[in-house]
Amino acid sequence: MSRAATLPLEETQHICRYWLHRISHEWDVSYKLLSAGYLSIGWSALAGSGIERVVRSATNSQPFEALMREYGYQASRSRWNLWTFCNFSRNDFVVVPLFNGESSIYKVVGSCIPISELSGFPDFVSEDGSRIIRDEKGLPRRFQTNEIVDLGFVVQVDPIKEHISRYEYADNKLTARMKIRQTNADISDLAENVQNVIGANSPINFYSAVIEELAEKLLNTIKAQLTPDKFELLVKWYFEKIGASNVFRPGKNSADKWDGADADIVAEFDPLKIMFYVQVKLHDDITSQWTVEQIAMYKDQHELASGEYTIIPWVISTASGFSADAITMAQENNVRLITGTEFARLLIDAGITDMNKAFA
């Protein structure tokens, strides 16, 4: 017999699952327990029944159903919430909807146990200020009324992401699932959606999402429909659009260019005393070092004649990126490298309703 066959179910190889679990029942104590690292559920009447062990060791629901009949709960629809809770296993993830449109995500680090076996809570104050004591069976009671707090089982968890806005972080599928009314549910089909929330460093930004999609489509249109000459005209229009005082295209064979130095667009912002020298490339793959070298040389050749203007050299390329040598040279010469996607974003931010004027 293999070693795995002798181990409890939760210690054998486990496929990570994702769960949704609400703790609104006995909320003042549930929230207090959660802040200490324990998810909870009701069913205090079954806290000493051993049902959690029955669920973990069973290969089907029949033993669970038999125990429910023994305690008179065979007709309770909510019994399946306890079944689900007892199936939470180490390394599972649990999404917990909270008040005020917030939610938290936890990783399971322990198996379901009766609350009577929970140590470290002999006497505590709940979230609403009520004093909670433990009776001789280890069950929580309200000190003032001696009423049982109907929480029978807990699962130890570690916080992964706490008190985040479900509307700002969760996508539409996960948000919709969090609206279900039942206590808990298996949401393993939304594993990727949950992981996206875990990995997010900032809220979902609708504007950014729209801009990213539009930018990609705009770039594809530019590459499909524009010639190199028209792309230069589009860059010229962009600088005019954002308020340049004067924008011109130096002659291709101008006498003030030598040794390969070149700029396709010069844009002056007179009030700011700033001048842009721009190399414009309609490329597909990678833009090489030579393009950066051209604009760097052009800047060196014309900087003295620019007077009080601050010179800012750019390379705008529809390529997907720049070669390593191009990036190194750009850093050494303070040249800004702008990919096609970034330029498409700049165009969208500037406003594209009158873009056809670029070619008039």
Protein backbone atom coordinates (compact mmCIF):
# COMPACT_ATOMS: atom_id res chain seq x y z
CA MET A 1 0.00 0.00 0.00
CA SER A 2 1.34 3.43 -0.92
CA ARG A 3 1.97 6.07 1.73
CA ALA A 4 -0.62 8.37 0.08
CA ALA A 5 -3.27 5.71 0.61
CA THR A 6 -2.69 5.79 4.37
CA LEU A 7 -2.88 9.57 4.72
CA PRO A 8 -6.01 11.58 5.53
CA LEU A 9 -7.70 13.03 2.47
CA GLU A 10 -6.50 16.58 3.08
CA GLU A 11 -2.85 15.45 3.19
CA THR A 12 -2.87 13.56 -0.10
CA GLN A 13 -2.13 15.32 -3.36
CA HIS A 14 -4.69 18.10 -3.59
CA ILE A 15 -5.95 20.06 -6.56
CA CYS A 16 -6.30 23.68 -5.51
CA ARG A 17 -9.92 24.80 -5.47
CA TYR A 18 -11.59 28.17 -5.18
CA TRP A 19 -14.55 28.91 -2.93
CA LEU A 20 -16.95 31.69 -2.08
CA HIS A 21 -17.98 31.90 1.58
CA ARG A 22 -20.15 34.40 3.44
CA ILE A 23 -19.79 35.13 7.16
CA SER A 24 -22.88 37.28 7.70
CA HIS A 25 -24.34 34.68 10.11
CA GLU A 26 -23.54 35.79 13.70
CA TRP A 27 -21.55 38.50 11.96
CA ASP A 28 -20.14 40.23 15.04
CA VAL A 29 -18.38 37.06 16.18
CA SER A 30 -17.65 35.82 12.64
CA TYR A 31 -15.81 39.04 11.79
CA LYS A 32 -13.85 38.89 15.05
CA LEU A 33 -12.77 35.35 14.31
CA LEU A 34 -11.84 36.26 10.73
CA SER A 35 -9.61 39.09 11.96
CA ALA A 36 -7.77 36.41 13.96
CA GLY A 37 -7.48 34.11 10.93
CA TYR A 38 -10.53 31.83 11.15
CA LEU A 39 -13.46 31.46 8.79
CA SER A 40 -16.61 30.26 10.51
CA ILE A 41 -20.01 28.73 9.82
CA GLY A 42 -23.08 27.95 11.91
CA TRP A 43 -24.32 24.48 12.90
CA SER A 44 -23.28 24.73 16.54
CA ALA A 45 -25.61 21.79 17.31
CA LEU A 46 -23.27 19.52 15.33
CA ALA A 47 -20.00 20.82 16.80
CA GLY A 48 -19.37 17.59 18.69
CA SER A 49 -20.76 15.17 16.13
CA GLY A 50 -17.55 14.45 14.23
CA ILE A 51 -19.23 15.39 10.96
CA GLU A 52 -16.12 17.23 9.74
CA ARG A 53 -14.16 13.95 9.90
CA VAL A 54 -16.99 12.11 8.17
CA VAL A 55 -16.90 14.54 5.24
CA ARG A 56 -13.11 14.45 4.90
CA SER A 57 -12.92 10.65 4.88
CA ALA A 58 -16.01 9.98 2.77
CA THR A 59 -15.86 9.15 -0.94
CA ASN A 60 -19.47 10.25 -1.40
CA SER A 61 -22.18 12.11 0.51
CA GLN A 62 -23.98 9.06 1.95
CA PRO A 63 -22.23 9.05 5.38
CA PHE A 64 -22.87 12.79 5.65
CA GLU A 65 -26.55 12.31 4.82
CA ALA A 66 -26.82 9.49 7.37
CA LEU A 67 -25.42 11.70 10.12
CA MET A 68 -27.75 14.52 9.13
CA ARG A 69 -30.71 12.11 9.45
CA GLU A 70 -29.46 11.03 12.85
CA TYR A 71 -29.56 14.64 14.06
CA GLY A 72 -32.83 15.43 12.31
CA TYR A 73 -31.48 17.78 9.64
CA GLN A 74 -32.04 15.63 6.56
CA ALA A 75 -34.62 18.11 5.21
CA SER A 76 -32.49 21.22 5.72
CA ARG A 77 -31.33 22.69 2.41
CA SER A 78 -28.56 24.59 4.17
CA ARG A 79 -26.89 21.32 5.22
CA TRP A 80 -24.94 21.41 1.98
CA ASN A 81 -23.29 24.64 3.11
CA LEU A 82 -21.71 22.66 5.95
CA TRP A 83 -20.70 19.92 3.50
CA THR A 84 -18.93 22.54 1.36
CA PHE A 85 -17.26 24.18 4.36
CA CYS A 86 -15.90 20.83 5.58
CA ASN A 87 -14.38 20.32 2.12
CA PHE A 88 -12.18 23.42 2.36
CA SER A 89 -8.62 22.06 2.13
CA ARG A 90 -5.13 23.41 2.62
CA ASN A 91 -3.95 25.69 -0.19
CA ASP A 92 -7.50 26.37 -1.41
CA PHE A 93 -8.50 29.99 -1.94
CA VAL A 94 -11.63 31.51 -0.42
CA VAL A 95 -13.28 34.76 -1.54
CA VAL A 96 -15.23 36.34 1.31
CA PRO A 97 -17.74 39.09 0.45
CA LEU A 98 -17.87 41.72 3.20
CA PHE A 99 -19.99 44.74 4.01
CA ASN A 100 -19.83 48.02 2.07
CA GLY A 101 -19.02 46.39 -1.27
CA GLU A 102 -15.68 45.04 -0.07
CA SER A 103 -14.27 41.54 -0.22
CA SER A 104 -11.20 39.67 0.98
CA ILE A 105 -9.31 36.65 -0.34
CA TYR A 106 -7.78 34.04 1.95
CA LYS A 107 -5.69 30.91 1.58
CA VAL A 108 -6.74 27.88 3.60
CA VAL A 109 -3.99 26.67 5.97
CA GLY A 110 -5.92 24.21 8.12
CA SER A 111 -8.77 21.72 8.02
CA CYS A 112 -12.26 22.31 9.30
CA ILE A 113 -12.49 21.76 13.08
CA PRO A 114 -15.31 22.19 15.62
CA ILE A 115 -15.19 25.59 17.26
CA SER A 116 -15.01 23.77 20.58
CA GLU A 117 -11.47 22.71 19.64
CA LEU A 118 -10.39 26.26 18.86
CA SER A 119 -7.86 27.52 21.40
CA GLY A 120 -6.94 31.08 22.28
CA PHE A 121 -10.44 32.55 22.67
CA PRO A 122 -11.48 31.96 26.29
CA ASP A 123 -13.13 35.35 26.60
CA PHE A 124 -13.24 38.08 23.95
CA VAL A 125 -15.20 41.08 22.71
CA SER A 126 -17.06 40.75 19.42
CA GLU A 127 -17.12 43.32 16.61
CA ASP A 128 -20.23 45.03 18.04
CA GLY A 129 -18.77 45.24 21.56
CA SER A 130 -20.51 42.20 23.05
CA ARG A 131 -18.61 40.09 25.54
CA ILE A 132 -18.28 36.50 24.35
CA ILE A 133 -17.42 33.64 26.70
CA ARG A 134 -16.86 29.91 26.16
CA ASP A 135 -19.05 27.39 27.98
CA GLU A 136 -17.96 24.03 29.39
CA LYS A 137 -18.27 22.45 25.93
CA GLY A 138 -16.11 25.15 24.37
CA LEU A 139 -19.00 26.76 22.51
CA PRO A 140 -19.20 30.58 22.40
CA ARG A 141 -21.99 32.28 24.35
CA ARG A 142 -23.06 35.88 24.84
CA PHE A 143 -22.17 36.86 28.38
CA GLN A 144 -25.16 39.11 29.03
CA THR A 145 -27.85 36.69 27.81
CA ASN A 146 -26.04 33.34 28.01
CA GLU A 147 -27.31 32.64 24.48
CA ILE A 148 -25.32 30.26 22.31
CA VAL A 149 -23.54 31.94 19.42
CA ASP A 150 -24.58 29.70 16.54
CA LEU A 151 -21.11 29.03 15.13
CA GLY A 152 -20.06 25.41 15.15
CA PHE A 153 -17.02 25.10 12.88
CA VAL A 154 -13.96 27.06 11.84
CA VAL A 155 -11.21 26.82 9.21
CA GLN A 156 -7.86 28.54 9.68
CA VAL A 157 -6.87 30.88 6.84
CA ASP A 158 -4.14 33.35 5.92
CA PRO A 159 -5.07 36.69 4.33
CA ILE A 160 -3.96 37.15 0.73
CA LYS A 161 -5.77 40.41 -0.09
CA GLU A 162 -8.06 42.13 2.39
CA HIS A 163 -10.80 44.77 2.26
CA ILE A 164 -10.65 45.52 -1.44
CA SER A 165 -13.50 46.99 -3.43
CA ARG A 166 -15.13 44.18 -5.37
CA TYR A 167 -16.35 46.71 -7.94
CA GLU A 168 -12.87 48.11 -8.57
CA TYR A 169 -10.89 44.86 -8.53
CA ALA A 170 -13.25 42.04 -9.54
CA ASP A 171 -14.31 41.62 -13.16
CA ASN A 172 -17.93 41.19 -14.20
CA LYS A 173 -17.96 37.39 -13.86
CA LEU A 174 -16.54 37.36 -10.35
CA THR A 175 -18.73 40.28 -9.29
CA ALA A 176 -21.83 38.48 -10.56
CA ARG A 177 -20.89 35.30 -8.69
CA MET A 178 -20.46 37.23 -5.44
CA LYS A 179 -24.12 38.21 -5.66
CA ILE A 180 -25.37 34.66 -5.09
CA ARG A 181 -27.44 34.39 -1.91
CA GLN A 182 -26.24 31.05 -0.57
CA THR A 183 -23.61 30.80 2.18
CA ASN A 184 -20.89 29.27 0.05
CA ALA A 185 -20.14 27.83 -3.35
CA ASP A 186 -17.41 26.21 -5.39
CA ILE A 187 -16.13 28.87 -7.82
CA SER A 188 -13.14 26.95 -9.17
CA ASP A 189 -14.32 27.77 -12.69
CA LEU A 190 -13.33 31.39 -11.87
CA ALA A 191 -9.82 30.52 -10.68
CA GLU A 192 -8.20 32.81 -13.25
CA ASN A 193 -10.53 35.66 -12.31
CA VAL A 194 -9.62 35.31 -8.63
CA GLN A 195 -5.91 35.13 -9.42
CA ASN A 196 -6.23 38.31 -11.48
CA VAL A 197 -7.54 40.08 -8.39
CA ILE A 198 -4.72 38.65 -6.28
CA GLY A 199 -2.12 39.81 -8.78
CA ALA A 200 -3.59 43.26 -9.38
CA ASN A 201 -1.50 46.13 -8.02
CA SER A 202 -4.21 48.68 -8.71
CA PRO A 203 -7.95 48.70 -9.39
CA ILE A 204 -9.41 47.85 -12.77
CA ASN A 205 -9.25 51.06 -14.76
CA PHE A 206 -11.98 51.18 -17.37
CA TYR A 207 -10.40 54.15 -19.16
CA SER A 208 -7.02 52.41 -19.40
CA ALA A 209 -8.63 49.19 -20.61
CA VAL A 210 -10.45 51.05 -23.38
CA ILE A 211 -7.34 53.03 -24.36
CA GLU A 212 -5.22 49.87 -24.59
CA GLU A 213 -7.70 48.20 -26.94
CA LEU A 214 -8.15 51.31 -29.08
CA ALA A 215 -4.40 51.91 -29.24
CA GLU A 216 -3.74 48.44 -30.62
CA LYS A 217 -6.39 48.86 -33.31
CA LEU A 218 -5.17 52.36 -34.19
CA LEU A 219 -1.59 51.14 -34.55
CA ASN A 220 -2.69 48.30 -36.84
CA THR A 221 -4.56 50.80 -39.01
CA ILE A 222 -1.54 53.11 -39.18
CA LYS A 223 0.73 50.28 -40.29
CA ALA A 224 -1.79 48.98 -42.84
CA GLN A 225 -2.81 52.26 -44.47
CA LEU A 226 -0.02 54.83 -44.13
CA THR A 227 3.14 55.24 -46.13
CA PRO A 228 6.33 56.46 -44.41
CA ASP A 229 5.63 59.95 -45.77
CA LYS A 230 2.07 59.99 -44.43
CA PHE A 231 3.24 58.68 -41.07
CA GLU A 232 5.55 61.69 -40.82
CA LEU A 233 2.57 63.93 -41.60
CA LEU A 234 0.62 62.23 -38.80
CA VAL A 235 3.43 62.91 -36.32
CA LYS A 236 3.54 66.53 -37.51
CA TRP A 237 -0.22 66.81 -36.95
CA TYR A 238 0.16 65.36 -33.46
CA PHE A 239 2.55 68.10 -32.38
CA GLU A 240 0.27 70.74 -33.91
CA LYS A 241 -2.66 69.18 -32.07
CA ILE A 242 -0.97 69.41 -28.66
CA GLY A 243 -0.12 73.07 -29.17
CA ALA A 244 3.25 73.43 -30.87
CA SER A 245 3.97 76.98 -32.04
CA ASN A 246 5.69 75.79 -35.19
CA VAL A 247 6.13 72.33 -36.72
CA PHE A 248 8.07 71.60 -39.89
CA ARG A 249 9.74 68.81 -41.80
CA PRO A 250 13.42 69.52 -42.56
CA GLY A 251 14.36 68.76 -46.17
CA LYS A 252 15.58 65.25 -46.77
CA ASN A 253 18.75 66.50 -48.43
CA SER A 254 19.15 69.67 -46.40
CA ALA A 255 22.62 71.16 -46.29
CA ASP A 256 22.45 71.38 -42.49
CA LYS A 257 22.49 67.58 -42.17
CA TRP A 258 25.72 65.67 -42.56
CA ASP A 259 27.32 62.35 -41.62
CA GLY A 260 23.89 60.71 -41.62
CA ALA A 261 22.33 63.00 -39.04
CA ASP A 262 18.59 63.33 -39.56
CA ALA A 263 15.33 64.57 -38.07
CA ASP A 264 12.01 64.06 -39.80
CA ILE A 265 10.02 66.48 -37.63
CA VAL A 266 10.98 69.58 -35.67
CA ALA A 267 8.38 70.95 -33.27
CA GLU A 268 8.79 74.24 -31.39
CA PHE A 269 6.90 75.24 -28.25
CA ASP A 270 7.90 78.87 -28.07
CA PRO A 271 6.28 79.87 -24.73
CA LEU A 272 8.03 76.93 -23.03
CA LYS A 273 11.25 77.35 -25.00
CA ILE A 274 11.24 73.65 -25.85
CA MET A 275 12.08 72.10 -29.21
CA PHE A 276 11.54 68.48 -30.23
CA TYR A 277 13.73 66.77 -32.81
CA VAL A 278 11.97 63.60 -33.96
CA GLN A 279 12.99 60.62 -36.07
CA VAL A 280 9.91 58.87 -37.49
CA LYS A 281 10.05 55.24 -38.62
CA LEU A 282 7.31 53.07 -40.09
CA HIS A 283 8.86 49.76 -39.08
CA ASP A 284 7.44 46.30 -38.38
CA ASP A 285 9.84 44.39 -36.19
CA ILE A 286 12.68 46.06 -34.26
CA THR A 287 14.12 49.53 -34.77
CA SER A 288 17.92 49.51 -34.74
CA GLN A 289 20.63 51.65 -33.19
CA TRP A 290 21.18 53.63 -36.41
CA THR A 291 17.89 55.49 -36.00
CA VAL A 292 18.90 56.64 -32.52
CA GLU A 293 22.35 57.58 -33.80
CA GLN A 294 20.80 59.75 -36.52
CA ILE A 295 18.69 61.83 -34.12
CA ALA A 296 21.51 62.08 -31.58
CA MET A 297 23.86 63.45 -34.25
CA TYR A 298 21.20 65.88 -35.48
CA LYS A 299 20.81 67.21 -31.95
CA ASP A 300 24.58 67.63 -31.57
CA GLN A 301 24.81 69.47 -34.90
CA HIS A 302 21.94 71.88 -34.17
CA GLU A 303 21.93 72.39 -30.42
CA LEU A 304 24.17 75.47 -30.47
CA ALA A 305 21.97 77.15 -33.11
CA SER A 306 18.84 76.53 -31.04
CA GLY A 307 19.72 79.34 -28.67
CA GLU A 308 17.69 79.38 -25.46
CA TYR A 309 15.55 76.37 -26.43
CA THR A 310 15.84 73.08 -24.56
CA ILE A 311 16.20 70.26 -27.07
CA ILE A 312 14.28 67.00 -26.58
CA PRO A 313 15.13 64.22 -29.07
CA TRP A 314 12.55 61.54 -29.79
CA VAL A 315 12.37 58.42 -31.93
CA ILE A 316 8.82 57.35 -32.83
CA SER A 317 8.61 53.93 -34.44
CA THR A 318 5.71 51.64 -35.24
CA ALA A 319 8.01 48.72 -34.44
CA SER A 320 7.20 46.45 -31.52
CA GLY A 321 10.42 47.48 -29.83
CA PHE A 322 14.01 48.66 -30.10
CA SER A 323 17.24 46.70 -30.24
CA ALA A 324 19.39 46.43 -27.12
CA ASP A 325 22.04 48.65 -28.74
CA ALA A 326 19.39 51.23 -29.60
CA ILE A 327 18.18 51.31 -26.01
CA THR A 328 21.73 51.69 -24.69
CA MET A 329 22.52 54.52 -27.08
CA ALA A 330 19.22 56.25 -26.27
CA GLN A 331 20.06 56.17 -22.57
CA GLU A 332 23.52 57.57 -23.21
CA ASN A 333 22.13 60.43 -25.34
CA ASN A 334 18.87 61.16 -23.48
CA VAL A 335 16.76 60.14 -26.46
CA ARG A 336 13.21 59.09 -25.73
CA LEU A 337 12.12 55.93 -27.55
CA ILE A 338 8.41 55.69 -28.35
CA THR A 339 6.90 52.48 -29.69
CA GLY A 340 3.95 52.40 -32.03
CA THR A 341 1.56 51.42 -29.24
CA GLU A 342 2.73 54.29 -27.05
CA PHE A 343 2.37 56.76 -29.91
CA ALA A 344 -1.13 55.46 -30.60
CA ARG A 345 -1.98 56.19 -26.95
CA LEU A 346 -0.58 59.70 -27.34
CA LEU A 347 -2.76 60.24 -30.41
CA ILE A 348 -5.88 59.07 -28.58
CA ASP A 349 -5.13 61.30 -25.60
CA ALA A 350 -4.68 64.26 -27.94
CA GLY A 351 -8.03 63.57 -29.63
CA ILE A 352 -8.46 61.92 -33.02
CA THR A 353 -11.71 63.43 -34.30
CA ASP A 354 -9.92 65.70 -36.80
CA MET A 355 -7.03 63.38 -37.64
CA ASN A 356 -7.72 63.57 -41.39
CA LYS A 357 -6.41 67.14 -41.31
CA ALA A 358 -2.93 65.61 -41.07
CA PHE A 359 -3.17 64.62 -44.73
CA ALA A 360 -5.10 67.57 -46.12
